[in-house]
Amino acid sequence: MRIQQLTKIKELPIFLVLVGISIIITVVNPSFATRENFLDLLRGNITLMIMALGMLLVILTGGIDVSCSSIATAVTCITGYFLIHISSNIFAAILLAMVTGTVMGLINGLLIARLKIPPIVTTLGTMSIILGTVLYLTNGNWMTGIPENFINFGRTTLFPVVLKSGRSTGIPIQIIFLIPAIFMAWFILKRTVIGRGIYAIGGNLESAERMGYKSDWIIIFVYAFEGFLIGLAAINHTSIMRQVDPNAFLGAEMRVIAAVVLGGASTLGGIGSVLGTLLGVTIFCVINNGLILMKIPTFWQKIVVGIIIVSSIAFDMAQKRRLERKQIRVDVE
């Protein structure tokens, strides 16, 4: 590939930032650039990656979903109860998680598309309802007693190797949740009419409707699909933690949004990609891991999240004003 073609890749600057941050962290602490650390990073952040892919589609429509963490909490509790008290069947638990997440996402989509309630208001409301209900039913207590077969499933690794330390490691089995999620998100956005409609709605809702896109149905689909991925992320999280903590996802919505925005998605809608989102999540995770390795207080993670969100929104607004000024000049001329 020629250099000119490389420079046209929108995600290249994000990739270069990732490389730069990784080099800096490695210089400070060489243990960052080890196979063991990379595999731990992958295992620990697959949940965030899957949730970010769902959030990407929502943000592309110009929407937002702050209820994603509450939905994930509800799904983990429901599937945890199912595994402990009803059946230890792994496939049934995965199916239940996906269906439960889809239904909750569908409710968000219907409220936004049919009742025309702004996304931020809708998802704030459903977040409070879902989280309050879960905490009431569980009293905030952890759920333990996950069946041994599910625990063993979560511990499984692909292509295991023995490290010098004597520890056996390999690609976490949870990759089987991530790869289909990446493919589905990419396929929807790049190979379907719905995908083109998602970008069109985010770019200009009125123009998209004049072009024949049924915005209501697309928005409903987007939130339902996001719920589906949240369900997948939730069962993935349970397989890693091997227990259910009703408070595990508190504040996760900000990390998800920040990771998507860091990957180049515009908070105004219409701009973003699956590759960019994956790179954004990776940068976000590398920064957090680097702060830990460099023994920097963890509260800086929250500061970094805030800076990312505020800076990205400010950049989007500046771009929007610049485009509006150009359009005004064209109309005048």
C-alpha atoms as a PDB file:
ATOM      1  CA  MET A   1       0.000   0.000   0.000  1.00  0.00           C
ATOM      2  CA  ARG A   2       1.352   3.433  -0.942  1.00  0.00           C
ATOM      3  CA  ILE A   3       2.023   6.169   1.618  1.00  0.00           C
ATOM      4  CA  GLN A   4      -0.658   8.374   0.031  1.00  0.00           C
ATOM      5  CA  GLN A   5      -3.214   5.611   0.476  1.00  0.00           C
ATOM      6  CA  LEU A   6      -2.158   5.111   4.095  1.00  0.00           C
ATOM      7  CA  THR A   7      -2.646   8.784   4.905  1.00  0.00           C
ATOM      8  CA  LYS A   8      -6.238   8.558   3.666  1.00  0.00           C
ATOM      9  CA  ILE A   9      -7.124   5.967   6.306  1.00  0.00           C
ATOM     10  CA  LYS A  10      -9.202   7.861   8.865  1.00  0.00           C
ATOM     11  CA  GLU A  11      -8.161   5.602  11.721  1.00  0.00           C
ATOM     12  CA  LEU A  12      -4.412   6.078  11.100  1.00  0.00           C
ATOM     13  CA  PRO A  13      -4.002   9.003  13.550  1.00  0.00           C
ATOM     14  CA  ILE A  14      -5.756   6.977  16.253  1.00  0.00           C
ATOM     15  CA  PHE A  15      -3.440   4.028  15.587  1.00  0.00           C
ATOM     16  CA  LEU A  16      -0.369   6.285  15.762  1.00  0.00           C
ATOM     17  CA  VAL A  17      -1.567   7.699  19.082  1.00  0.00           C
ATOM     18  CA  LEU A  18      -1.947   4.131  20.378  1.00  0.00           C
ATOM     19  CA  VAL A  19       1.575   3.247  19.273  1.00  0.00           C
ATOM     20  CA  GLY A  20       2.985   6.419  20.839  1.00  0.00           C
ATOM     21  CA  ILE A  21       1.281   5.850  24.191  1.00  0.00           C
ATOM     22  CA  SER A  22       2.381   2.199  24.210  1.00  0.00           C
ATOM     23  CA  ILE A  23       6.021   3.168  23.585  1.00  0.00           C
ATOM     24  CA  ILE A  24       5.976   5.732  26.410  1.00  0.00           C
ATOM     25  CA  ILE A  25       4.472   3.257  28.882  1.00  0.00           C
ATOM     26  CA  THR A  26       6.941   0.531  27.817  1.00  0.00           C
ATOM     27  CA  VAL A  27       9.895   2.863  28.406  1.00  0.00           C
ATOM     28  CA  VAL A  28       8.622   3.662  31.905  1.00  0.00           C
ATOM     29  CA  ASN A  29       7.693   0.056  32.711  1.00  0.00           C
ATOM     30  CA  PRO A  30       8.954  -2.693  30.332  1.00  0.00           C
ATOM     31  CA  SER A  31       6.513  -5.209  31.831  1.00  0.00           C
ATOM     32  CA  PHE A  32       3.795  -3.524  29.776  1.00  0.00           C
ATOM     33  CA  ALA A  33       5.085  -5.011  26.513  1.00  0.00           C
ATOM     34  CA  THR A  34       4.839  -8.630  27.570  1.00  0.00           C
ATOM     35  CA  ARG A  35       2.643 -11.402  26.221  1.00  0.00           C
ATOM     36  CA  GLU A  36       1.171 -11.974  29.668  1.00  0.00           C
ATOM     37  CA  ASN A  37       0.154  -8.342  30.095  1.00  0.00           C
ATOM     38  CA  PHE A  38      -1.360  -8.144  26.606  1.00  0.00           C
ATOM     39  CA  LEU A  39      -3.451 -11.275  27.210  1.00  0.00           C
ATOM     40  CA  ASP A  40      -4.586  -9.936  30.591  1.00  0.00           C
ATOM     41  CA  LEU A  41      -5.527  -6.662  28.894  1.00  0.00           C
ATOM     42  CA  LEU A  42      -7.522  -8.538  26.284  1.00  0.00           C
ATOM     43  CA  ARG A  43      -9.376 -10.679  28.796  1.00  0.00           C
ATOM     44  CA  GLY A  44     -10.127  -7.742  31.075  1.00  0.00           C
ATOM     45  CA  ASN A  45     -11.481  -5.477  28.352  1.00  0.00           C
ATOM     46  CA  ILE A  46     -13.489  -7.721  26.025  1.00  0.00           C
ATOM     47  CA  THR A  47     -16.628  -6.670  27.911  1.00  0.00           C
ATOM     48  CA  LEU A  48     -15.894  -2.990  27.264  1.00  0.00           C
ATOM     49  CA  MET A  49     -15.162  -3.687  23.585  1.00  0.00           C
ATOM     50  CA  ILE A  50     -18.472  -5.473  23.028  1.00  0.00           C
ATOM     51  CA  MET A  51     -20.461  -2.753  24.790  1.00  0.00           C
ATOM     52  CA  ALA A  52     -18.601  -0.065  22.831  1.00  0.00           C
ATOM     53  CA  LEU A  53     -19.600  -1.667  19.514  1.00  0.00           C
ATOM     54  CA  GLY A  54     -23.251  -1.375  20.524  1.00  0.00           C
ATOM     55  CA  MET A  55     -22.771   2.200  21.694  1.00  0.00           C
ATOM     56  CA  LEU A  56     -21.101   3.030  18.370  1.00  0.00           C
ATOM     57  CA  LEU A  57     -24.305   2.359  16.432  1.00  0.00           C
ATOM     58  CA  VAL A  58     -26.315   4.434  18.903  1.00  0.00           C
ATOM     59  CA  ILE A  59     -23.925   7.387  18.694  1.00  0.00           C
ATOM     60  CA  LEU A  60     -23.863   7.152  14.888  1.00  0.00           C
ATOM     61  CA  THR A  61     -27.608   7.922  14.879  1.00  0.00           C
ATOM     62  CA  GLY A  62     -26.947  11.010  16.997  1.00  0.00           C
ATOM     63  CA  GLY A  63     -28.249   9.290  20.119  1.00  0.00           C
ATOM     64  CA  ILE A  64     -26.763   8.284  23.445  1.00  0.00           C
ATOM     65  CA  ASP A  65     -27.416   5.508  25.954  1.00  0.00           C
ATOM     66  CA  VAL A  66     -26.493   5.958  29.589  1.00  0.00           C
ATOM     67  CA  SER A  67     -28.555   2.922  30.612  1.00  0.00           C
ATOM     68  CA  CYS A  68     -26.122   0.398  29.111  1.00  0.00           C
ATOM     69  CA  SER A  69     -24.446  -0.249  32.476  1.00  0.00           C
ATOM     70  CA  SER A  70     -27.802  -0.821  34.179  1.00  0.00           C
ATOM     71  CA  ILE A  71     -28.900  -3.223  31.440  1.00  0.00           C
ATOM     72  CA  ALA A  72     -25.617  -5.121  31.808  1.00  0.00           C
ATOM     73  CA  THR A  73     -26.152  -5.290  35.579  1.00  0.00           C
ATOM     74  CA  ALA A  74     -29.692  -6.631  35.155  1.00  0.00           C
ATOM     75  CA  VAL A  75     -28.566  -9.239  32.615  1.00  0.00           C
ATOM     76  CA  THR A  76     -25.740 -10.494  34.847  1.00  0.00           C
ATOM     77  CA  CYS A  77     -28.150 -10.861  37.776  1.00  0.00           C
ATOM     78  CA  ILE A  78     -30.821 -12.623  35.706  1.00  0.00           C
ATOM     79  CA  THR A  79     -28.379 -15.044  34.085  1.00  0.00           C
ATOM     80  CA  GLY A  80     -26.577 -15.539  37.391  1.00  0.00           C
ATOM     81  CA  TYR A  81     -29.852 -16.519  39.072  1.00  0.00           C
ATOM     82  CA  PHE A  82     -30.627 -18.799  36.130  1.00  0.00           C
ATOM     83  CA  LEU A  83     -27.283 -20.580  36.388  1.00  0.00           C
ATOM     84  CA  ILE A  84     -27.414 -20.955  40.168  1.00  0.00           C
ATOM     85  CA  HIS A  85     -31.063 -21.887  40.704  1.00  0.00           C
ATOM     86  CA  ILE A  86     -32.520 -23.158  37.415  1.00  0.00           C
ATOM     87  CA  SER A  87     -30.013 -24.690  35.008  1.00  0.00           C
ATOM     88  CA  SER A  88     -26.261 -24.899  34.567  1.00  0.00           C
ATOM     89  CA  ASN A  89     -26.597 -25.139  30.777  1.00  0.00           C
ATOM     90  CA  ILE A  90     -24.067 -22.693  29.328  1.00  0.00           C
ATOM     91  CA  PHE A  91     -25.767 -22.250  25.961  1.00  0.00           C
ATOM     92  CA  ALA A  92     -29.130 -21.601  27.601  1.00  0.00           C
ATOM     93  CA  ALA A  93     -27.530 -18.942  29.830  1.00  0.00           C
ATOM     94  CA  ILE A  94     -25.908 -17.238  26.841  1.00  0.00           C
ATOM     95  CA  LEU A  95     -29.205 -17.271  24.938  1.00  0.00           C
ATOM     96  CA  LEU A  96     -31.055 -15.877  27.961  1.00  0.00           C
ATOM     97  CA  ALA A  97     -28.507 -13.055  28.295  1.00  0.00           C
ATOM     98  CA  MET A  98     -28.828 -12.063  24.635  1.00  0.00           C
ATOM     99  CA  VAL A  99     -32.651 -12.168  24.695  1.00  0.00           C
ATOM    100  CA  THR A 100     -32.884 -10.216  27.955  1.00  0.00           C
ATOM    101  CA  GLY A 101     -30.492  -7.533  26.730  1.00  0.00           C
ATOM    102  CA  THR A 102     -32.318  -7.265  23.398  1.00  0.00           C
ATOM    103  CA  VAL A 103     -35.700  -6.789  25.104  1.00  0.00           C
ATOM    104  CA  MET A 104     -34.360  -4.026  27.360  1.00  0.00           C
ATOM    105  CA  GLY A 105     -32.687  -2.297  24.426  1.00  0.00           C
ATOM    106  CA  LEU A 106     -35.899  -2.646  22.427  1.00  0.00           C
ATOM    107  CA  ILE A 107     -37.827  -0.825  25.159  1.00  0.00           C
ATOM    108  CA  ASN A 108     -35.360   2.076  24.932  1.00  0.00           C
ATOM    109  CA  GLY A 109     -35.727   2.149  21.154  1.00  0.00           C
ATOM    110  CA  LEU A 110     -39.543   2.162  21.280  1.00  0.00           C
ATOM    111  CA  LEU A 111     -39.633   4.992  23.808  1.00  0.00           C
ATOM    112  CA  ILE A 112     -37.236   7.079  21.719  1.00  0.00           C
ATOM    113  CA  ALA A 113     -38.689   6.330  18.275  1.00  0.00           C
ATOM    114  CA  ARG A 114     -42.402   6.115  19.047  1.00  0.00           C
ATOM    115  CA  LEU A 115     -42.870   8.559  21.919  1.00  0.00           C
ATOM    116  CA  LYS A 116     -40.137  10.896  20.657  1.00  0.00           C
ATOM    117  CA  ILE A 117     -38.529  11.167  24.074  1.00  0.00           C
ATOM    118  CA  PRO A 118     -34.922  12.432  23.739  1.00  0.00           C
ATOM    119  CA  PRO A 119     -32.384   9.571  24.061  1.00  0.00           C
ATOM    120  CA  ILE A 120     -30.612  11.086  27.067  1.00  0.00           C
ATOM    121  CA  VAL A 121     -33.903  11.481  28.964  1.00  0.00           C
ATOM    122  CA  THR A 122     -35.161   8.021  27.991  1.00  0.00           C
ATOM    123  CA  THR A 123     -32.001   6.196  28.966  1.00  0.00           C
ATOM    124  CA  LEU A 124     -31.567   8.175  32.190  1.00  0.00           C
ATOM    125  CA  GLY A 125     -35.069   7.081  33.141  1.00  0.00           C
ATOM    126  CA  THR A 126     -34.624   3.430  32.234  1.00  0.00           C
ATOM    127  CA  MET A 127     -31.207   3.430  33.918  1.00  0.00           C
ATOM    128  CA  SER A 128     -32.784   4.508  37.214  1.00  0.00           C
ATOM    129  CA  ILE A 129     -35.687   2.078  36.907  1.00  0.00           C
ATOM    130  CA  ILE A 130     -33.537  -0.940  36.029  1.00  0.00           C
ATOM    131  CA  LEU A 131     -30.767  -0.236  38.528  1.00  0.00           C
ATOM    132  CA  GLY A 132     -33.219   0.557  41.328  1.00  0.00           C
ATOM    133  CA  THR A 133     -35.146  -2.660  40.671  1.00  0.00           C
ATOM    134  CA  VAL A 134     -31.974  -4.769  40.609  1.00  0.00           C
ATOM    135  CA  LEU A 135     -30.610  -3.278  43.830  1.00  0.00           C
ATOM    136  CA  TYR A 136     -33.999  -3.735  45.518  1.00  0.00           C
ATOM    137  CA  LEU A 137     -34.229  -7.400  44.534  1.00  0.00           C
ATOM    138  CA  THR A 138     -30.599  -8.241  45.327  1.00  0.00           C
ATOM    139  CA  ASN A 139     -30.143  -5.781  48.199  1.00  0.00           C
ATOM    140  CA  GLY A 140     -26.780  -5.058  46.561  1.00  0.00           C
ATOM    141  CA  ASN A 141     -25.435  -8.462  47.610  1.00  0.00           C
ATOM    142  CA  TRP A 142     -23.118 -10.565  45.479  1.00  0.00           C
ATOM    143  CA  MET A 143     -24.470 -13.743  43.928  1.00  0.00           C
ATOM    144  CA  THR A 144     -22.149 -16.702  44.375  1.00  0.00           C
ATOM    145  CA  GLY A 145     -22.460 -20.394  43.644  1.00  0.00           C
ATOM    146  CA  ILE A 146     -22.012 -20.230  39.870  1.00  0.00           C
ATOM    147  CA  PRO A 147     -21.903 -23.850  38.564  1.00  0.00           C
ATOM    148  CA  GLU A 148     -18.477 -25.419  38.168  1.00  0.00           C
ATOM    149  CA  ASN A 149     -18.958 -26.117  34.447  1.00  0.00           C
ATOM    150  CA  PHE A 150     -19.516 -22.404  33.763  1.00  0.00           C
ATOM    151  CA  ILE A 151     -16.502 -21.475  35.896  1.00  0.00           C
ATOM    152  CA  ASN A 152     -14.333 -23.938  33.960  1.00  0.00           C
ATOM    153  CA  PHE A 153     -15.674 -22.509  30.709  1.00  0.00           C
ATOM    154  CA  GLY A 154     -14.605 -19.009  31.763  1.00  0.00           C
ATOM    155  CA  ARG A 155     -11.118 -20.225  32.648  1.00  0.00           C
ATOM    156  CA  THR A 156     -10.547 -21.960  29.316  1.00  0.00           C
ATOM    157  CA  THR A 157      -7.834 -20.594  27.030  1.00  0.00           C
ATOM    158  CA  LEU A 158      -7.079 -21.191  23.365  1.00  0.00           C
ATOM    159  CA  PHE A 159      -3.541 -22.084  22.212  1.00  0.00           C
ATOM    160  CA  PRO A 160      -2.167 -22.234  25.787  1.00  0.00           C
ATOM    161  CA  VAL A 161       1.545 -21.739  26.426  1.00  0.00           C
ATOM    162  CA  VAL A 162       3.660 -22.016  29.570  1.00  0.00           C
ATOM    163  CA  LEU A 163       5.512 -18.817  30.488  1.00  0.00           C
ATOM    164  CA  LYS A 164       8.938 -18.587  32.134  1.00  0.00           C
ATOM    165  CA  SER A 165       7.191 -17.874  35.427  1.00  0.00           C
ATOM    166  CA  GLY A 166       5.554 -21.288  35.153  1.00  0.00           C
ATOM    167  CA  ARG A 167       2.112 -19.812  34.613  1.00  0.00           C
ATOM    168  CA  SER A 168       0.027 -21.232  31.775  1.00  0.00           C
ATOM    169  CA  THR A 169      -1.708 -18.653  29.622  1.00  0.00           C
ATOM    170  CA  GLY A 170      -3.307 -18.289  26.229  1.00  0.00           C
ATOM    171  CA  ILE A 171      -6.000 -16.485  24.284  1.00  0.00           C
ATOM    172  CA  PRO A 172      -9.059 -16.258  26.560  1.00  0.00           C
ATOM    173  CA  ILE A 173     -12.123 -18.240  25.496  1.00  0.00           C
ATOM    174  CA  GLN A 174     -14.107 -14.996  25.777  1.00  0.00           C
ATOM    175  CA  ILE A 175     -12.762 -14.105  22.327  1.00  0.00           C
ATOM    176  CA  ILE A 176     -15.660 -16.208  20.979  1.00  0.00           C
ATOM    177  CA  PHE A 177     -17.996 -13.457  22.190  1.00  0.00           C
ATOM    178  CA  LEU A 178     -15.924 -10.588  20.765  1.00  0.00           C
ATOM    179  CA  ILE A 179     -15.251 -11.826  17.219  1.00  0.00           C
ATOM    180  CA  PRO A 180     -18.939 -12.351  16.262  1.00  0.00           C
ATOM    181  CA  ALA A 181     -19.799  -8.959  17.814  1.00  0.00           C
ATOM    182  CA  ILE A 182     -17.148  -7.243  15.674  1.00  0.00           C
ATOM    183  CA  PHE A 183     -18.302  -9.020  12.524  1.00  0.00           C
ATOM    184  CA  MET A 184     -21.993  -8.250  13.113  1.00  0.00           C
ATOM    185  CA  ALA A 185     -21.372  -4.555  13.790  1.00  0.00           C
ATOM    186  CA  TRP A 186     -19.086  -4.253  10.753  1.00  0.00           C
ATOM    187  CA  PHE A 187     -21.498  -6.151   8.492  1.00  0.00           C
ATOM    188  CA  ILE A 188     -24.503  -4.064   9.531  1.00  0.00           C
ATOM    189  CA  LEU A 189     -22.700  -0.766   8.988  1.00  0.00           C
ATOM    190  CA  LYS A 190     -20.887  -1.643   5.768  1.00  0.00           C
ATOM    191  CA  ARG A 191     -23.050  -4.194   3.968  1.00  0.00           C
ATOM    192  CA  THR A 192     -26.693  -3.408   4.757  1.00  0.00           C
ATOM    193  CA  VAL A 193     -29.281  -0.767   3.949  1.00  0.00           C
ATOM    194  CA  ILE A 194     -29.824  -0.325   7.683  1.00  0.00           C
ATOM    195  CA  GLY A 195     -26.160   0.584   8.055  1.00  0.00           C
ATOM    196  CA  ARG A 196     -26.409   3.268   5.397  1.00  0.00           C
ATOM    197  CA  GLY A 197     -29.551   4.496   7.110  1.00  0.00           C
ATOM    198  CA  ILE A 198     -27.746   4.725  10.446  1.00  0.00           C
ATOM    199  CA  TYR A 199     -25.101   7.012   8.967  1.00  0.00           C
ATOM    200  CA  ALA A 200     -27.742   9.005   7.086  1.00  0.00           C
ATOM    201  CA  ILE A 201     -29.874   9.589  10.185  1.00  0.00           C
ATOM    202  CA  GLY A 202     -26.830  10.693  12.156  1.00  0.00           C
ATOM    203  CA  GLY A 203     -25.787  13.054   9.379  1.00  0.00           C
ATOM    204  CA  ASN A 204     -29.186  14.668   8.842  1.00  0.00           C
ATOM    205  CA  LEU A 205     -32.449  13.136  10.018  1.00  0.00           C
ATOM    206  CA  GLU A 206     -34.719  15.094   7.687  1.00  0.00           C
ATOM    207  CA  SER A 207     -32.583  14.342   4.635  1.00  0.00           C
ATOM    208  CA  ALA A 208     -32.460  10.657   5.572  1.00  0.00           C
ATOM    209  CA  GLU A 209     -36.255  10.496   5.747  1.00  0.00           C
ATOM    210  CA  ARG A 210     -36.580  12.260   2.385  1.00  0.00           C
ATOM    211  CA  MET A 211     -34.237   9.621   0.962  1.00  0.00           C
ATOM    212  CA  GLY A 212     -36.702   6.950   2.064  1.00  0.00           C
ATOM    213  CA  TYR A 213     -35.064   5.678   5.248  1.00  0.00           C
ATOM    214  CA  LYS A 214     -37.577   4.793   7.960  1.00  0.00           C
ATOM    215  CA  SER A 215     -35.861   6.472  10.861  1.00  0.00           C
ATOM    216  CA  ASP A 216     -38.167   5.087  13.570  1.00  0.00           C
ATOM    217  CA  TRP A 217     -37.533   1.465  12.626  1.00  0.00           C
ATOM    218  CA  ILE A 218     -33.799   2.026  12.271  1.00  0.00           C
ATOM    219  CA  ILE A 219     -33.577   3.651  15.703  1.00  0.00           C
ATOM    220  CA  ILE A 220     -35.574   0.806  17.249  1.00  0.00           C
ATOM    221  CA  PHE A 221     -33.247  -1.706  15.590  1.00  0.00           C
ATOM    222  CA  VAL A 222     -30.123   0.137  16.759  1.00  0.00           C
ATOM    223  CA  TYR A 223     -31.129   0.173  20.417  1.00  0.00           C
ATOM    224  CA  ALA A 224     -32.327  -3.442  20.277  1.00  0.00           C
ATOM    225  CA  PHE A 225     -29.025  -4.499  18.690  1.00  0.00           C
ATOM    226  CA  GLU A 226     -27.117  -2.557  21.313  1.00  0.00           C
ATOM    227  CA  GLY A 227     -29.104  -4.411  23.970  1.00  0.00           C
ATOM    228  CA  PHE A 228     -28.202  -7.694  22.276  1.00  0.00           C
ATOM    229  CA  LEU A 229     -24.489  -6.828  22.480  1.00  0.00           C
ATOM    230  CA  ILE A 230     -24.856  -5.660  26.089  1.00  0.00           C
ATOM    231  CA  GLY A 231     -26.346  -9.074  26.898  1.00  0.00           C
ATOM    232  CA  LEU A 232     -23.377 -10.717  25.208  1.00  0.00           C
ATOM    233  CA  ALA A 233     -20.991  -8.474  27.153  1.00  0.00           C
ATOM    234  CA  ALA A 234     -22.781  -9.261  30.417  1.00  0.00           C
ATOM    235  CA  ILE A 235     -22.488 -13.044  30.087  1.00  0.00           C
ATOM    236  CA  ASN A 236     -18.868 -12.533  29.042  1.00  0.00           C
ATOM    237  CA  HIS A 237     -18.287 -10.537  32.239  1.00  0.00           C
ATOM    238  CA  THR A 238     -19.858 -13.267  34.360  1.00  0.00           C
ATOM    239  CA  SER A 239     -17.640 -15.909  32.738  1.00  0.00           C
ATOM    240  CA  ILE A 240     -14.568 -13.889  33.726  1.00  0.00           C
ATOM    241  CA  MET A 241     -15.588 -12.862  37.253  1.00  0.00           C
ATOM    242  CA  ARG A 242     -17.321 -16.219  38.031  1.00  0.00           C
ATOM    243  CA  GLN A 243     -19.771 -14.428  40.324  1.00  0.00           C
ATOM    244  CA  VAL A 244     -22.287 -11.599  40.081  1.00  0.00           C
ATOM    245  CA  ASP A 245     -21.749  -8.173  41.660  1.00  0.00           C
ATOM    246  CA  PRO A 246     -24.785  -5.849  41.230  1.00  0.00           C
ATOM    247  CA  ASN A 247     -22.433  -2.868  41.539  1.00  0.00           C
ATOM    248  CA  ALA A 248     -19.823  -4.060  39.027  1.00  0.00           C
ATOM    249  CA  PHE A 249     -21.028  -1.864  36.156  1.00  0.00           C
ATOM    250  CA  LEU A 250     -21.575   1.379  38.076  1.00  0.00           C
ATOM    251  CA  GLY A 251     -20.122   4.207  35.971  1.00  0.00           C
ATOM    252  CA  ALA A 252     -19.345   1.872  33.060  1.00  0.00           C
ATOM    253  CA  GLU A 253     -21.500   3.931  30.688  1.00  0.00           C
ATOM    254  CA  MET A 254     -18.994   6.793  30.837  1.00  0.00           C
ATOM    255  CA  ARG A 255     -16.101   4.482  29.995  1.00  0.00           C
ATOM    256  CA  VAL A 256     -18.038   3.035  27.068  1.00  0.00           C
ATOM    257  CA  ILE A 257     -18.965   6.453  25.669  1.00  0.00           C
ATOM    258  CA  ALA A 258     -15.443   7.794  26.163  1.00  0.00           C
ATOM    259  CA  ALA A 259     -13.889   4.805  24.378  1.00  0.00           C
ATOM    260  CA  VAL A 260     -16.211   5.196  21.361  1.00  0.00           C
ATOM    261  CA  VAL A 261     -15.579   8.931  21.154  1.00  0.00           C
ATOM    262  CA  LEU A 262     -11.828   8.387  21.519  1.00  0.00           C
ATOM    263  CA  GLY A 263     -12.103   6.094  18.489  1.00  0.00           C
ATOM    264  CA  GLY A 264     -13.204   8.993  16.297  1.00  0.00           C
ATOM    265  CA  ALA A 265     -17.004   8.740  16.558  1.00  0.00           C
ATOM    266  CA  SER A 266     -18.771  12.089  16.517  1.00  0.00           C
ATOM    267  CA  THR A 267     -21.155  12.722  19.397  1.00  0.00           C
ATOM    268  CA  LEU A 268     -23.323  14.590  16.881  1.00  0.00           C
ATOM    269  CA  GLY A 269     -23.784  11.407  14.828  1.00  0.00           C
ATOM    270  CA  GLY A 270     -22.906  10.234  11.327  1.00  0.00           C
ATOM    271  CA  ILE A 271     -19.162   9.731  11.859  1.00  0.00           C
ATOM    272  CA  GLY A 272     -17.460   6.640  13.253  1.00  0.00           C
ATOM    273  CA  SER A 273     -16.300   3.120  12.402  1.00  0.00           C
ATOM    274  CA  VAL A 274     -15.858  -0.302  13.955  1.00  0.00           C
ATOM    275  CA  LEU A 275     -12.074  -0.184  13.515  1.00  0.00           C
ATOM    276  CA  GLY A 276     -11.893   3.272  15.074  1.00  0.00           C
ATOM    277  CA  THR A 277     -13.981   2.110  18.027  1.00  0.00           C
ATOM    278  CA  LEU A 278     -11.756  -0.920  18.624  1.00  0.00           C
ATOM    279  CA  LEU A 279      -8.681   1.321  18.510  1.00  0.00           C
ATOM    280  CA  GLY A 280     -10.379   3.804  20.846  1.00  0.00           C
ATOM    281  CA  VAL A 281     -11.181   1.072  23.354  1.00  0.00           C
ATOM    282  CA  THR A 282      -7.603  -0.187  23.107  1.00  0.00           C
ATOM    283  CA  ILE A 283      -6.171   3.296  23.745  1.00  0.00           C
ATOM    284  CA  PHE A 284      -8.497   3.751  26.686  1.00  0.00           C
ATOM    285  CA  CYS A 285      -7.499   0.396  28.169  1.00  0.00           C
ATOM    286  CA  VAL A 286      -3.789   0.973  27.532  1.00  0.00           C
ATOM    287  CA  ILE A 287      -3.961   4.339  29.306  1.00  0.00           C
ATOM    288  CA  ASN A 288      -5.668   2.767  32.334  1.00  0.00           C
ATOM    289  CA  ASN A 289      -3.197  -0.115  32.378  1.00  0.00           C
ATOM    290  CA  GLY A 290      -0.303   2.310  32.020  1.00  0.00           C
ATOM    291  CA  LEU A 291      -1.517   4.398  34.956  1.00  0.00           C
ATOM    292  CA  ILE A 292      -1.591   1.259  37.093  1.00  0.00           C
ATOM    293  CA  LEU A 293       1.864   0.079  35.983  1.00  0.00           C
ATOM    294  CA  MET A 294       3.291   3.554  36.602  1.00  0.00           C
ATOM    295  CA  LYS A 295       1.647   3.535  40.060  1.00  0.00           C
ATOM    296  CA  ILE A 296      -0.388   6.645  39.335  1.00  0.00           C
ATOM    297  CA  PRO A 297      -3.539   6.999  41.515  1.00  0.00           C
ATOM    298  CA  THR A 298      -6.578   5.413  39.882  1.00  0.00           C
ATOM    299  CA  PHE A 299      -8.704   8.550  40.287  1.00  0.00           C
ATOM    300  CA  TRP A 300      -6.778   9.901  37.287  1.00  0.00           C
ATOM    301  CA  GLN A 301      -8.707   7.372  35.183  1.00  0.00           C
ATOM    302  CA  LYS A 302     -11.917   9.296  35.872  1.00  0.00           C
ATOM    303  CA  ILE A 303     -10.186  12.569  35.059  1.00  0.00           C
ATOM    304  CA  VAL A 304      -8.976  11.111  31.749  1.00  0.00           C
ATOM    305  CA  VAL A 305     -12.528   9.959  30.915  1.00  0.00           C
ATOM    306  CA  GLY A 306     -13.898  13.440  31.581  1.00  0.00           C
ATOM    307  CA  ILE A 307     -11.207  15.121  29.493  1.00  0.00           C
ATOM    308  CA  ILE A 308     -11.850  12.751  26.571  1.00  0.00           C
ATOM    309  CA  ILE A 309     -15.610  13.359  26.567  1.00  0.00           C
ATOM    310  CA  VAL A 310     -15.447  17.150  26.984  1.00  0.00           C
ATOM    311  CA  SER A 311     -12.644  17.550  24.427  1.00  0.00           C
ATOM    312  CA  SER A 312     -14.411  15.382  21.851  1.00  0.00           C
ATOM    313  CA  ILE A 313     -17.725  17.212  22.200  1.00  0.00           C
ATOM    314  CA  ALA A 314     -15.944  20.564  21.934  1.00  0.00           C
ATOM    315  CA  PHE A 315     -14.140  19.364  18.792  1.00  0.00           C
ATOM    316  CA  ASP A 316     -17.406  18.123  17.267  1.00  0.00           C
ATOM    317  CA  MET A 317     -19.148  21.411  17.948  1.00  0.00           C
ATOM    318  CA  ALA A 318     -16.252  23.369  16.450  1.00  0.00           C
ATOM    319  CA  GLN A 319     -16.380  21.215  13.312  1.00  0.00           C
ATOM    320  CA  LYS A 320     -20.149  21.658  13.045  1.00  0.00           C
ATOM    321  CA  ARG A 321     -19.857  25.452  13.250  1.00  0.00           C
ATOM    322  CA  ARG A 322     -17.095  25.422  10.625  1.00  0.00           C
ATOM    323  CA  LEU A 323     -19.266  23.390   8.239  1.00  0.00           C
ATOM    324  CA  GLU A 324     -22.256  25.657   8.862  1.00  0.00           C
ATOM    325  CA  ARG A 325     -20.182  28.734   8.035  1.00  0.00           C
ATOM    326  CA  LYS A 326     -19.022  27.117   4.793  1.00  0.00           C
ATOM    327  CA  GLN A 327     -22.622  26.275   3.841  1.00  0.00           C
ATOM    328  CA  ILE A 328     -23.693  29.858   4.527  1.00  0.00           C
ATOM    329  CA  ARG A 329     -20.930  31.171   2.244  1.00  0.00           C
ATOM    330  CA  VAL A 330     -21.980  28.795  -0.520  1.00  0.00           C
ATOM    331  CA  ASP A 331     -25.623  29.851  -0.216  1.00  0.00           C
ATOM    332  CA  VAL A 332     -24.707  33.548  -0.311  1.00  0.00           C
ATOM    333  CA  GLU A 333     -22.440  33.154  -3.319  1.00  0.00           C
END
